[in-house]
């Protein structure tokens, strides 16, 4: 008998309405994770200790410490002033460097609180450039500044006897004959009210003074 062809088997997976797949979640706003700090202005750097900024100590504090220097460091150190004369300090220096040493001593005195009019400087060799300049206008004008007493006064050993007493006298032994040095030291000692500073060669100065300084 004739063979009846078998009907092809239809698999449900091949034809027919497909079952809609399980719907996947539609992309949407995701749940925000734990919020992280958003970059932004950092705390002011001045809050960090030791970092330069506005909170630095005010300048007056430093100025106060400098103004207090006379109490802790009144100037060049030396023995206490004797009742019969000023205290004496020797600053070793060559004849060529004596004037520079004297200038440094004057700067220290002024920084320590001394008034410019308190200081007299005497040279034994070449005059101080200031004295040379002022004398070019005449002796009257030169000595008028000495009498005014409102600034440091520089003079030569030859005319130091004309100078008046001042609290501090600085001698620059910057050369000159021995008699000039001796005369300058004698005049300086007589005119120093509180302090005598001698800048020069210690051996020469001690030999002129006849005693150890």
C-alpha atoms as a PDB file:
ATOM      1  CA  UNK A   1       0.000   0.000   0.000  1.00  0.00           C
ATOM      2  CA  UNK A   2       1.176   3.373  -0.783  1.00  0.00           C
ATOM      3  CA  UNK A   3       3.220   5.062   1.861  1.00  0.00           C
ATOM      4  CA  UNK A   4       1.711   8.183   3.240  1.00  0.00           C
ATOM      5  CA  UNK A   5       4.413  10.685   3.843  1.00  0.00           C
ATOM      6  CA  UNK A   6       4.694  11.576   7.411  1.00  0.00           C
ATOM      7  CA  UNK A   7       3.832  15.118   8.195  1.00  0.00           C
ATOM      8  CA  UNK A   8       6.811  16.962   9.296  1.00  0.00           C
ATOM      9  CA  UNK A   9       6.863  17.639  12.958  1.00  0.00           C
ATOM     10  CA  UNK A  10       6.687  21.249  13.784  1.00  0.00           C
ATOM     11  CA  UNK A  11       8.667  22.221  16.757  1.00  0.00           C
ATOM     12  CA  UNK A  12       7.153  24.905  18.788  1.00  0.00           C
ATOM     13  CA  UNK A  13      10.472  26.539  18.989  1.00  0.00           C
ATOM     14  CA  UNK A  14      10.726  26.871  15.270  1.00  0.00           C
ATOM     15  CA  UNK A  15       7.380  28.303  14.267  1.00  0.00           C
ATOM     16  CA  UNK A  16       4.374  29.822  15.826  1.00  0.00           C
ATOM     17  CA  UNK A  17       3.981  32.749  18.027  1.00  0.00           C
ATOM     18  CA  UNK A  18       6.998  33.136  20.234  1.00  0.00           C
ATOM     19  CA  UNK A  19       6.565  33.687  23.791  1.00  0.00           C
ATOM     20  CA  UNK A  20       7.736  37.161  24.648  1.00  0.00           C
ATOM     21  CA  UNK A  21      10.913  36.990  26.585  1.00  0.00           C
ATOM     22  CA  UNK A  22      10.898  38.099  30.105  1.00  0.00           C
ATOM     23  CA  UNK A  23      11.175  41.841  29.864  1.00  0.00           C
ATOM     24  CA  UNK A  24      14.475  43.171  30.993  1.00  0.00           C
ATOM     25  CA  UNK A  25      14.476  46.253  33.086  1.00  0.00           C
ATOM     26  CA  UNK A  26      14.508  49.312  30.906  1.00  0.00           C
ATOM     27  CA  UNK A  27      17.614  51.363  31.495  1.00  0.00           C
ATOM     28  CA  UNK A  28      16.805  54.274  33.676  1.00  0.00           C
ATOM     29  CA  UNK A  29      18.276  56.335  36.376  1.00  0.00           C
ATOM     30  CA  UNK A  30      20.532  54.150  38.389  1.00  0.00           C
ATOM     31  CA  UNK A  31      20.433  54.239  42.082  1.00  0.00           C
ATOM     32  CA  UNK A  32      23.127  56.710  43.071  1.00  0.00           C
ATOM     33  CA  UNK A  33      25.924  55.117  45.037  1.00  0.00           C
ATOM     34  CA  UNK A  34      26.979  56.502  48.328  1.00  0.00           C
ATOM     35  CA  UNK A  35      27.859  60.096  47.457  1.00  0.00           C
ATOM     36  CA  UNK A  36      31.548  60.828  47.392  1.00  0.00           C
ATOM     37  CA  UNK A  37      32.906  64.208  48.301  1.00  0.00           C
ATOM     38  CA  UNK A  38      32.806  66.436  45.265  1.00  0.00           C
ATOM     39  CA  UNK A  39      36.124  68.185  44.578  1.00  0.00           C
ATOM     40  CA  UNK A  40      35.863  71.788  45.520  1.00  0.00           C
ATOM     41  CA  UNK A  41      37.719  74.520  47.317  1.00  0.00           C
ATOM     42  CA  UNK A  42      40.081  73.064  49.888  1.00  0.00           C
ATOM     43  CA  UNK A  43      40.313  74.477  53.367  1.00  0.00           C
ATOM     44  CA  UNK A  44      42.407  77.585  53.551  1.00  0.00           C
ATOM     45  CA  UNK A  45      46.106  76.800  53.638  1.00  0.00           C
ATOM     46  CA  UNK A  46      46.503  79.181  56.503  1.00  0.00           C
ATOM     47  CA  UNK A  47      44.854  76.618  58.766  1.00  0.00           C
ATOM     48  CA  UNK A  48      47.907  74.402  58.419  1.00  0.00           C
ATOM     49  CA  UNK A  49      50.441  75.103  61.141  1.00  0.00           C
ATOM     50  CA  UNK A  50      53.756  76.444  59.987  1.00  0.00           C
ATOM     51  CA  UNK A  51      52.540  77.456  56.545  1.00  0.00           C
ATOM     52  CA  UNK A  52      53.015  81.069  55.565  1.00  0.00           C
ATOM     53  CA  UNK A  53      49.769  82.983  55.597  1.00  0.00           C
ATOM     54  CA  UNK A  54      47.884  85.791  57.283  1.00  0.00           C
ATOM     55  CA  UNK A  55      48.050  84.276  60.783  1.00  0.00           C
ATOM     56  CA  UNK A  56      51.829  84.954  61.018  1.00  0.00           C
ATOM     57  CA  UNK A  57      52.940  86.772  64.150  1.00  0.00           C
ATOM     58  CA  UNK A  58      52.528  90.475  63.760  1.00  0.00           C
ATOM     59  CA  UNK A  59      55.744  92.404  62.979  1.00  0.00           C
ATOM     60  CA  UNK A  60      55.458  94.524  66.126  1.00  0.00           C
ATOM     61  CA  UNK A  61      56.306  91.418  68.145  1.00  0.00           C
ATOM     62  CA  UNK A  62      59.656  91.145  66.408  1.00  0.00           C
ATOM     63  CA  UNK A  63      60.202  94.868  66.680  1.00  0.00           C
ATOM     64  CA  UNK A  64      59.486  94.671  70.372  1.00  0.00           C
ATOM     65  CA  UNK A  65      62.168  92.023  70.812  1.00  0.00           C
ATOM     66  CA  UNK A  66      64.650  94.272  69.045  1.00  0.00           C
ATOM     67  CA  UNK A  67      63.661  97.260  71.117  1.00  0.00           C
ATOM     68  CA  UNK A  68      64.190  95.139  74.184  1.00  0.00           C
ATOM     69  CA  UNK A  69      67.771  94.473  73.072  1.00  0.00           C
ATOM     70  CA  UNK A  70      69.265  97.247  75.206  1.00  0.00           C
ATOM     71  CA  UNK A  71      68.084  95.456  78.320  1.00  0.00           C
ATOM     72  CA  UNK A  72      69.611  92.129  77.326  1.00  0.00           C
ATOM     73  CA  UNK A  73      72.459  93.441  75.192  1.00  0.00           C
ATOM     74  CA  UNK A  74      73.156  97.091  75.926  1.00  0.00           C
ATOM     75  CA  UNK A  75      75.957  97.243  73.419  1.00  0.00           C
ATOM     76  CA  UNK A  76      79.517  96.016  73.245  1.00  0.00           C
ATOM     77  CA  UNK A  77      80.200  93.964  76.319  1.00  0.00           C
ATOM     78  CA  UNK A  78      82.805  94.935  78.830  1.00  0.00           C
ATOM     79  CA  UNK A  79      83.478  95.332  82.526  1.00  0.00           C
ATOM     80  CA  UNK A  80      81.200  97.478  84.572  1.00  0.00           C
ATOM     81  CA  UNK A  81      82.055 101.138  84.496  1.00  0.00           C
ATOM     82  CA  UNK A  82      84.356 102.110  87.316  1.00  0.00           C
ATOM     83  CA  UNK A  83      83.541 105.019  89.525  1.00  0.00           C
ATOM     84  CA  UNK A  84      86.557 106.955  88.227  1.00  0.00           C
ATOM     85  CA  UNK A  85      86.017 106.467  84.516  1.00  0.00           C
ATOM     86  CA  UNK A  86      84.107 104.819  81.686  1.00  0.00           C
ATOM     87  CA  UNK A  87      84.131 101.140  80.924  1.00  0.00           C
ATOM     88  CA  UNK A  88      86.635 100.300  78.209  1.00  0.00           C
ATOM     89  CA  UNK A  89      86.349  97.764  75.421  1.00  0.00           C
ATOM     90  CA  UNK A  90      89.004  96.867  72.891  1.00  0.00           C
ATOM     91  CA  UNK A  91      88.003  95.622  69.444  1.00  0.00           C
ATOM     92  CA  UNK A  92      91.040  94.024  67.736  1.00  0.00           C
ATOM     93  CA  UNK A  93      91.587  95.367  64.230  1.00  0.00           C
ATOM     94  CA  UNK A  94      94.432  96.213  61.888  1.00  0.00           C
ATOM     95  CA  UNK A  95      95.225  99.827  61.113  1.00  0.00           C
ATOM     96  CA  UNK A  96      93.562  99.329  57.726  1.00  0.00           C
ATOM     97  CA  UNK A  97      90.424  97.819  59.262  1.00  0.00           C
ATOM     98  CA  UNK A  98      90.126 100.003  62.353  1.00  0.00           C
ATOM     99  CA  UNK A  99      87.807 102.534  60.729  1.00  0.00           C
ATOM    100  CA  UNK A 100      85.467  99.807  59.466  1.00  0.00           C
ATOM    101  CA  UNK A 101      85.462  98.235  62.940  1.00  0.00           C
ATOM    102  CA  UNK A 102      84.582 101.613  64.435  1.00  0.00           C
ATOM    103  CA  UNK A 103      81.702 102.009  61.974  1.00  0.00           C
ATOM    104  CA  UNK A 104      80.380  98.576  62.948  1.00  0.00           C
ATOM    105  CA  UNK A 105      80.618  99.521  66.615  1.00  0.00           C
ATOM    106  CA  UNK A 106      78.636 102.698  65.933  1.00  0.00           C
ATOM    107  CA  UNK A 107      75.970 100.708  64.070  1.00  0.00           C
ATOM    108  CA  UNK A 108      75.689  98.317  67.006  1.00  0.00           C
ATOM    109  CA  UNK A 109      75.327 101.182  69.447  1.00  0.00           C
ATOM    110  CA  UNK A 110      72.571 102.786  67.389  1.00  0.00           C
ATOM    111  CA  UNK A 111      70.771  99.462  66.928  1.00  0.00           C
ATOM    112  CA  UNK A 112      70.972  98.941  70.688  1.00  0.00           C
ATOM    113  CA  UNK A 113      69.091 102.154  71.315  1.00  0.00           C
ATOM    114  CA  UNK A 114      71.820 104.749  71.650  1.00  0.00           C
ATOM    115  CA  UNK A 115      70.942 108.160  70.277  1.00  0.00           C
ATOM    116  CA  UNK A 116      73.242 109.338  67.471  1.00  0.00           C
ATOM    117  CA  UNK A 117      74.091 112.437  69.469  1.00  0.00           C
ATOM    118  CA  UNK A 118      75.520 110.215  72.231  1.00  0.00           C
ATOM    119  CA  UNK A 119      78.427 109.028  70.073  1.00  0.00           C
ATOM    120  CA  UNK A 120      81.766 110.673  69.286  1.00  0.00           C
ATOM    121  CA  UNK A 121      84.260 109.005  66.943  1.00  0.00           C
ATOM    122  CA  UNK A 122      87.956 109.936  66.978  1.00  0.00           C
ATOM    123  CA  UNK A 123      90.442 108.806  64.309  1.00  0.00           C
ATOM    124  CA  UNK A 124      94.224 108.671  64.774  1.00  0.00           C
ATOM    125  CA  UNK A 125      95.220 108.406  61.105  1.00  0.00           C
ATOM    126  CA  UNK A 126      93.251 109.457  58.041  1.00  0.00           C
ATOM    127  CA  UNK A 127      90.168 111.492  58.990  1.00  0.00           C
ATOM    128  CA  UNK A 128      86.758 109.938  58.516  1.00  0.00           C
ATOM    129  CA  UNK A 129      85.301 110.784  55.061  1.00  0.00           C
ATOM    130  CA  UNK A 130      82.380 112.549  56.748  1.00  0.00           C
ATOM    131  CA  UNK A 131      84.738 114.856  58.635  1.00  0.00           C
ATOM    132  CA  UNK A 132      86.703 115.610  55.469  1.00  0.00           C
ATOM    133  CA  UNK A 133      83.517 116.456  53.604  1.00  0.00           C
ATOM    134  CA  UNK A 134      82.068 118.670  56.313  1.00  0.00           C
ATOM    135  CA  UNK A 135      85.336 120.535  56.848  1.00  0.00           C
ATOM    136  CA  UNK A 136      85.265 121.470  53.169  1.00  0.00           C
ATOM    137  CA  UNK A 137      82.434 123.869  54.094  1.00  0.00           C
ATOM    138  CA  UNK A 138      84.510 125.505  56.798  1.00  0.00           C
ATOM    139  CA  UNK A 139      85.340 124.843  60.430  1.00  0.00           C
ATOM    140  CA  UNK A 140      82.502 127.000  61.704  1.00  0.00           C
ATOM    141  CA  UNK A 141      79.883 124.837  59.999  1.00  0.00           C
ATOM    142  CA  UNK A 142      81.718 121.677  61.030  1.00  0.00           C
ATOM    143  CA  UNK A 143      81.859 122.496  64.740  1.00  0.00           C
ATOM    144  CA  UNK A 144      78.321 123.863  64.695  1.00  0.00           C
ATOM    145  CA  UNK A 145      77.149 120.326  63.961  1.00  0.00           C
ATOM    146  CA  UNK A 146      79.197 119.109  66.926  1.00  0.00           C
ATOM    147  CA  UNK A 147      77.603 121.684  69.212  1.00  0.00           C
ATOM    148  CA  UNK A 148      74.115 120.762  67.970  1.00  0.00           C
ATOM    149  CA  UNK A 149      74.695 117.273  69.353  1.00  0.00           C
ATOM    150  CA  UNK A 150      71.990 115.585  67.310  1.00  0.00           C
ATOM    151  CA  UNK A 151      74.132 113.195  65.276  1.00  0.00           C
ATOM    152  CA  UNK A 152      77.266 111.051  65.430  1.00  0.00           C
ATOM    153  CA  UNK A 153      80.283 113.349  65.252  1.00  0.00           C
ATOM    154  CA  UNK A 154      83.614 112.382  63.679  1.00  0.00           C
ATOM    155  CA  UNK A 155      86.811 114.208  64.448  1.00  0.00           C
ATOM    156  CA  UNK A 156      90.567 113.833  64.194  1.00  0.00           C
ATOM    157  CA  UNK A 157      92.900 113.158  67.101  1.00  0.00           C
ATOM    158  CA  UNK A 158      94.670 116.471  66.453  1.00  0.00           C
ATOM    159  CA  UNK A 159      91.558 118.471  67.334  1.00  0.00           C
ATOM    160  CA  UNK A 160      89.818 115.987  69.635  1.00  0.00           C
ATOM    161  CA  UNK A 161      90.533 118.213  72.635  1.00  0.00           C
ATOM    162  CA  UNK A 162      87.941 120.622  71.279  1.00  0.00           C
ATOM    163  CA  UNK A 163      85.187 118.005  71.402  1.00  0.00           C
ATOM    164  CA  UNK A 164      82.776 117.935  74.314  1.00  0.00           C
ATOM    165  CA  UNK A 165      81.958 114.981  76.546  1.00  0.00           C
ATOM    166  CA  UNK A 166      79.561 112.387  75.151  1.00  0.00           C
ATOM    167  CA  UNK A 167      78.241 109.188  76.731  1.00  0.00           C
ATOM    168  CA  UNK A 168      80.135 106.998  74.248  1.00  0.00           C
ATOM    169  CA  UNK A 169      83.453 107.635  72.516  1.00  0.00           C
ATOM    170  CA  UNK A 170      84.827 105.338  69.810  1.00  0.00           C
ATOM    171  CA  UNK A 171      88.490 105.523  68.818  1.00  0.00           C
ATOM    172  CA  UNK A 172      89.639 104.195  65.447  1.00  0.00           C
ATOM    173  CA  UNK A 173      93.392 103.586  65.699  1.00  0.00           C
ATOM    174  CA  UNK A 174      93.761 103.663  61.930  1.00  0.00           C
ATOM    175  CA  UNK A 175      97.407 104.684  61.763  1.00  0.00           C
ATOM    176  CA  UNK A 176      99.293 107.836  62.548  1.00  0.00           C
ATOM    177  CA  UNK A 177     102.281 108.356  64.832  1.00  0.00           C
ATOM    178  CA  UNK A 178     102.352 106.978  68.359  1.00  0.00           C
ATOM    179  CA  UNK A 179     101.921 110.454  69.907  1.00  0.00           C
ATOM    180  CA  UNK A 180      98.687 110.930  67.923  1.00  0.00           C
ATOM    181  CA  UNK A 181      97.321 107.607  69.190  1.00  0.00           C
ATOM    182  CA  UNK A 182      98.295 108.456  72.747  1.00  0.00           C
ATOM    183  CA  UNK A 183      96.667 111.888  72.453  1.00  0.00           C
ATOM    184  CA  UNK A 184      93.484 110.382  70.972  1.00  0.00           C
ATOM    185  CA  UNK A 185      93.193 107.779  73.723  1.00  0.00           C
ATOM    186  CA  UNK A 186      93.767 110.368  76.425  1.00  0.00           C
ATOM    187  CA  UNK A 187      91.174 112.725  74.955  1.00  0.00           C
ATOM    188  CA  UNK A 188      88.718 109.884  74.405  1.00  0.00           C
ATOM    189  CA  UNK A 189      89.050 108.624  77.975  1.00  0.00           C
ATOM    190  CA  UNK A 190      88.438 112.113  79.338  1.00  0.00           C
ATOM    191  CA  UNK A 191      85.357 112.644  77.141  1.00  0.00           C
ATOM    192  CA  UNK A 192      83.673 109.244  77.432  1.00  0.00           C
ATOM    193  CA  UNK A 193      80.899 109.503  79.978  1.00  0.00           C
ATOM    194  CA  UNK A 194      79.984 105.806  80.116  1.00  0.00           C
ATOM    195  CA  UNK A 195      81.761 103.767  77.465  1.00  0.00           C
ATOM    196  CA  UNK A 196      85.070 103.954  75.585  1.00  0.00           C
ATOM    197  CA  UNK A 197      85.544 101.640  72.606  1.00  0.00           C
ATOM    198  CA  UNK A 198      88.982 101.381  71.021  1.00  0.00           C
ATOM    199  CA  UNK A 199      89.372  99.699  67.623  1.00  0.00           C
ATOM    200  CA  UNK A 200      92.923  98.796  66.658  1.00  0.00           C
ATOM    201  CA  UNK A 201      95.953  96.618  67.288  1.00  0.00           C
ATOM    202  CA  UNK A 202      95.788  95.411  70.926  1.00  0.00           C
ATOM    203  CA  UNK A 203      99.570  95.383  71.441  1.00  0.00           C
ATOM    204  CA  UNK A 204      99.951  98.921  70.154  1.00  0.00           C
ATOM    205  CA  UNK A 205      97.037 100.239  72.160  1.00  0.00           C
ATOM    206  CA  UNK A 206      98.146  98.544  75.362  1.00  0.00           C
ATOM    207  CA  UNK A 207     101.675  99.859  74.905  1.00  0.00           C
ATOM    208  CA  UNK A 208     100.327 103.386  74.447  1.00  0.00           C
ATOM    209  CA  UNK A 209      97.991 103.135  77.410  1.00  0.00           C
ATOM    210  CA  UNK A 210     100.648 101.502  79.536  1.00  0.00           C
ATOM    211  CA  UNK A 211      98.111  99.005  80.857  1.00  0.00           C
ATOM    212  CA  UNK A 212      96.135  96.013  79.651  1.00  0.00           C
ATOM    213  CA  UNK A 213      92.689  96.575  78.170  1.00  0.00           C
END
